[in-house]
Protein backbone atom coordinates (compact mmCIF):
# COMPACT_ATOMS: atom_id res chain seq x y z
CA MET A 1 -39.96 32.25 -119.62
CA ASN A 2 -38.95 31.87 -123.26
CA LEU A 3 -36.41 29.12 -123.96
CA ASP A 4 -35.87 30.10 -127.59
CA ARG A 5 -32.11 30.71 -127.92
CA PHE A 6 -32.70 33.46 -130.50
CA SER A 7 -35.27 35.39 -128.47
CA GLN A 8 -32.75 37.91 -127.11
CA GLY A 9 -31.01 38.75 -130.38
CA LEU A 10 -27.37 39.66 -130.91
CA PRO A 11 -25.38 41.58 -128.29
CA ASP A 12 -25.39 45.36 -128.67
CA PRO A 13 -22.12 46.44 -130.42
CA GLN A 14 -22.19 49.68 -128.40
CA ASN A 15 -21.42 47.59 -125.32
CA ALA A 16 -18.28 46.03 -126.84
CA GLU A 17 -15.10 46.75 -124.90
CA VAL A 18 -12.30 48.70 -126.63
CA MET A 19 -9.25 46.44 -126.36
CA ALA A 20 -6.64 48.53 -128.23
CA TYR A 21 -6.13 51.26 -130.82
CA CYS A 22 -4.95 50.57 -134.37
CA GLU A 23 -1.41 51.78 -135.05
CA GLY A 24 -2.35 52.30 -138.73
CA CYS A 25 -5.52 54.37 -138.59
CA GLY A 26 -5.81 55.16 -134.88
CA GLY A 27 -9.28 53.62 -134.68
CA GLU A 28 -10.65 51.52 -131.85
CA ILE A 29 -10.21 47.75 -131.90
CA TYR A 30 -13.00 45.89 -130.14
CA GLU A 31 -13.18 42.57 -128.38
CA GLY A 32 -13.50 39.71 -130.88
CA GLU A 33 -12.10 41.59 -133.90
CA ASP A 34 -9.40 40.07 -136.10
CA VAL A 35 -6.11 41.99 -136.11
CA TYR A 36 -2.66 42.01 -137.68
CA VAL A 37 0.29 41.98 -135.25
CA VAL A 38 3.42 43.49 -136.82
CA GLU A 39 6.52 43.57 -134.61
CA GLY A 40 4.27 43.77 -131.54
CA GLU A 41 2.06 46.56 -132.95
CA ILE A 42 -1.67 45.87 -133.33
CA LEU A 43 -3.55 46.83 -136.50
CA HIS A 44 -7.06 46.24 -137.84
CA ALA A 45 -7.07 43.22 -140.15
CA GLU A 46 -7.62 45.60 -143.07
CA TRP A 47 -5.26 46.19 -145.98
CA GLU A 48 -5.62 49.97 -145.65
CA CYS A 49 -4.45 49.94 -142.01
CA LEU A 50 -1.44 47.80 -142.90
CA VAL A 51 -0.42 50.18 -145.70
CA GLN A 52 -0.88 53.24 -143.44
CA TYR A 53 1.29 51.63 -140.77
CA ILE A 54 4.08 50.70 -143.19
CA ASP A 55 3.79 54.10 -144.96
CA PRO A 56 5.58 53.19 -148.18
CA GLU A 57 7.46 55.93 -149.96
CA VAL A 58 6.60 56.24 -153.64
CA LYS A 59 9.61 56.79 -155.89
CA THR A 60 10.63 56.10 -159.44
CA ILE A 61 13.01 53.17 -159.94
CA GLU A 62 15.81 55.61 -160.76
CA GLU A 63 15.30 57.46 -157.45
CA ALA A 64 15.21 54.18 -155.51
CA LEU A 65 18.47 53.00 -157.09
CA GLY A 66 20.14 56.42 -156.81
CA VAL A 67 20.61 56.63 -160.59
CA GLU A 68 20.35 60.02 -162.21
């Protein structure tokens, strides 16, 4: 019996349980991952997922203000 606490290595990530799906990218969110929670929706703690979820509309300032 080996009592070295590092003898077994890290847990296999393939065995991690899928806890939810990201509302931004649709990807799997695994146990232990950091997430954003926006109005009850769960997103990866990644800037790209947050932007995809918010889906900003790109306009000129004139279009945004309704000035022609």
